[in-house]
């Protein structure tokens, strides 16, 4: 269950994000629109393989590591461009 719907924590600053049961915390700009979530990673601090990143559940963390946003269902890769991962929660994919 999403705590926030169509909520963008801050598209112009990096958020701390932790995926599924991963212990690594990454920095990413996060933007939600419709059934899509766009994650723009800092190129120095991003998962080594975006295609294999488990995005079915992720948390946005405050500076102390406490979750202030919990998101689930974004399990389909919509599109990957360089350091940008766009995932969907309705199964849609980019065809271009």
C-alpha atoms as a PDB file:
ATOM      1  CA  UNK A   1       0.000   0.000   0.000  1.00  0.00           C
ATOM      2  CA  UNK A   2       1.334   3.411  -0.925  1.00  0.00           C
ATOM      3  CA  UNK A   3       1.375   6.028   1.782  1.00  0.00           C
ATOM      4  CA  UNK A   4       1.405   8.840  -0.738  1.00  0.00           C
ATOM      5  CA  UNK A   5      -0.262   8.951  -4.125  1.00  0.00           C
ATOM      6  CA  UNK A   6       1.226  11.166  -6.827  1.00  0.00           C
ATOM      7  CA  UNK A   7       3.589  12.668  -4.292  1.00  0.00           C
ATOM      8  CA  UNK A   8       7.013  13.917  -5.277  1.00  0.00           C
ATOM      9  CA  UNK A   9       9.210  14.279  -2.190  1.00  0.00           C
ATOM     10  CA  UNK A  10      11.597  16.598  -3.956  1.00  0.00           C
ATOM     11  CA  UNK A  11      12.445  16.211  -7.612  1.00  0.00           C
ATOM     12  CA  UNK A  12      15.297  18.691  -7.472  1.00  0.00           C
ATOM     13  CA  UNK A  13      17.167  17.247  -4.507  1.00  0.00           C
ATOM     14  CA  UNK A  14      18.432  13.734  -3.934  1.00  0.00           C
ATOM     15  CA  UNK A  15      16.443  11.488  -1.615  1.00  0.00           C
ATOM     16  CA  UNK A  16      17.830   8.540   0.314  1.00  0.00           C
ATOM     17  CA  UNK A  17      16.253   5.347  -1.043  1.00  0.00           C
ATOM     18  CA  UNK A  18      16.470   1.712   0.034  1.00  0.00           C
ATOM     19  CA  UNK A  19      15.102  -1.130  -2.102  1.00  0.00           C
ATOM     20  CA  UNK A  20      13.251  -4.207  -0.865  1.00  0.00           C
ATOM     21  CA  UNK A  21      15.459  -6.066   1.644  1.00  0.00           C
ATOM     22  CA  UNK A  22      18.687  -4.425   0.455  1.00  0.00           C
ATOM     23  CA  UNK A  23      20.858  -2.804   3.113  1.00  0.00           C
ATOM     24  CA  UNK A  24      22.446  -0.343   0.675  1.00  0.00           C
ATOM     25  CA  UNK A  25      21.092   3.199   0.666  1.00  0.00           C
ATOM     26  CA  UNK A  26      21.233   5.046  -2.654  1.00  0.00           C
ATOM     27  CA  UNK A  27      20.688   8.687  -3.588  1.00  0.00           C
ATOM     28  CA  UNK A  28      18.026   9.388  -6.210  1.00  0.00           C
ATOM     29  CA  UNK A  29      15.684  12.107  -7.356  1.00  0.00           C
ATOM     30  CA  UNK A  30      12.181  10.677  -7.089  1.00  0.00           C
ATOM     31  CA  UNK A  31       9.111  11.667  -9.059  1.00  0.00           C
ATOM     32  CA  UNK A  32       5.701   9.975  -9.173  1.00  0.00           C
ATOM     33  CA  UNK A  33       3.222  10.542 -11.973  1.00  0.00           C
ATOM     34  CA  UNK A  34       0.234   8.303 -12.518  1.00  0.00           C
ATOM     35  CA  UNK A  35       1.302   4.663 -12.329  1.00  0.00           C
ATOM     36  CA  UNK A  36       4.953   5.557 -12.946  1.00  0.00           C
ATOM     37  CA  UNK A  37       7.845   6.309 -10.624  1.00  0.00           C
ATOM     38  CA  UNK A  38      10.985   7.928 -12.011  1.00  0.00           C
ATOM     39  CA  UNK A  39      14.246   7.432 -10.140  1.00  0.00           C
ATOM     40  CA  UNK A  40      17.187   9.538 -11.295  1.00  0.00           C
ATOM     41  CA  UNK A  41      20.321   8.284  -9.608  1.00  0.00           C
ATOM     42  CA  UNK A  42      23.494  10.146  -8.825  1.00  0.00           C
ATOM     43  CA  UNK A  43      25.901   8.439 -11.234  1.00  0.00           C
ATOM     44  CA  UNK A  44      28.454   7.975  -8.431  1.00  0.00           C
ATOM     45  CA  UNK A  45      25.882   6.283  -6.201  1.00  0.00           C
ATOM     46  CA  UNK A  46      23.546   3.959  -8.070  1.00  0.00           C
ATOM     47  CA  UNK A  47      22.809   0.233  -8.261  1.00  0.00           C
ATOM     48  CA  UNK A  48      25.354  -1.573 -10.418  1.00  0.00           C
ATOM     49  CA  UNK A  49      22.631  -3.062 -12.634  1.00  0.00           C
ATOM     50  CA  UNK A  50      19.427  -1.030 -12.870  1.00  0.00           C
ATOM     51  CA  UNK A  51      17.675  -3.787 -14.820  1.00  0.00           C
ATOM     52  CA  UNK A  52      18.121  -6.209 -11.908  1.00  0.00           C
ATOM     53  CA  UNK A  53      17.135  -3.753  -9.166  1.00  0.00           C
ATOM     54  CA  UNK A  54      14.159  -5.090  -7.196  1.00  0.00           C
ATOM     55  CA  UNK A  55      11.804  -2.112  -7.114  1.00  0.00           C
ATOM     56  CA  UNK A  56       8.719  -4.020  -5.951  1.00  0.00           C
ATOM     57  CA  UNK A  57       9.128  -2.332  -2.547  1.00  0.00           C
ATOM     58  CA  UNK A  58      11.244   0.645  -1.580  1.00  0.00           C
ATOM     59  CA  UNK A  59      11.475   3.225   1.166  1.00  0.00           C
ATOM     60  CA  UNK A  60      12.484   6.863   1.215  1.00  0.00           C
ATOM     61  CA  UNK A  61      14.566   7.605   4.294  1.00  0.00           C
ATOM     62  CA  UNK A  62      15.249  10.704   6.317  1.00  0.00           C
ATOM     63  CA  UNK A  63      18.772  11.688   7.351  1.00  0.00           C
ATOM     64  CA  UNK A  64      18.547   9.388  10.400  1.00  0.00           C
ATOM     65  CA  UNK A  65      17.532   6.400   8.280  1.00  0.00           C
ATOM     66  CA  UNK A  66      13.864   6.384   9.284  1.00  0.00           C
ATOM     67  CA  UNK A  67      11.373   5.622   6.516  1.00  0.00           C
ATOM     68  CA  UNK A  68       9.005   8.484   5.733  1.00  0.00           C
ATOM     69  CA  UNK A  69       7.634   6.971   2.529  1.00  0.00           C
ATOM     70  CA  UNK A  70       6.988   3.310   1.749  1.00  0.00           C
ATOM     71  CA  UNK A  71       6.073   2.274  -1.785  1.00  0.00           C
ATOM     72  CA  UNK A  72       5.150  -1.058  -3.310  1.00  0.00           C
ATOM     73  CA  UNK A  73       3.932  -2.482  -6.584  1.00  0.00           C
ATOM     74  CA  UNK A  74       6.419  -0.730  -8.890  1.00  0.00           C
ATOM     75  CA  UNK A  75       7.684  -4.047 -10.222  1.00  0.00           C
ATOM     76  CA  UNK A  76       7.707  -3.462 -13.999  1.00  0.00           C
ATOM     77  CA  UNK A  77      10.591  -1.682 -15.692  1.00  0.00           C
ATOM     78  CA  UNK A  78       8.999   0.967 -17.891  1.00  0.00           C
ATOM     79  CA  UNK A  79      12.222   2.438 -19.280  1.00  0.00           C
ATOM     80  CA  UNK A  80      15.935   2.859 -18.494  1.00  0.00           C
ATOM     81  CA  UNK A  81      17.943   5.758 -19.898  1.00  0.00           C
ATOM     82  CA  UNK A  82      21.497   6.206 -18.572  1.00  0.00           C
ATOM     83  CA  UNK A  83      21.096   6.768 -14.812  1.00  0.00           C
ATOM     84  CA  UNK A  84      17.291   7.073 -14.923  1.00  0.00           C
ATOM     85  CA  UNK A  85      15.068   4.136 -14.018  1.00  0.00           C
ATOM     86  CA  UNK A  86      11.330   4.477 -14.624  1.00  0.00           C
ATOM     87  CA  UNK A  87       9.135   1.741 -13.163  1.00  0.00           C
ATOM     88  CA  UNK A  88       5.404   1.165 -13.407  1.00  0.00           C
ATOM     89  CA  UNK A  89       2.879  -0.380 -11.089  1.00  0.00           C
ATOM     90  CA  UNK A  90       0.330  -1.212 -13.793  1.00  0.00           C
ATOM     91  CA  UNK A  91       2.545  -3.307 -16.093  1.00  0.00           C
ATOM     92  CA  UNK A  92       2.970  -0.604 -18.748  1.00  0.00           C
ATOM     93  CA  UNK A  93       6.251  -0.379 -20.665  1.00  0.00           C
ATOM     94  CA  UNK A  94       7.792   2.223 -22.969  1.00  0.00           C
ATOM     95  CA  UNK A  95       7.629   1.476 -26.674  1.00  0.00           C
ATOM     96  CA  UNK A  96       9.610   3.883 -28.745  1.00  0.00           C
END
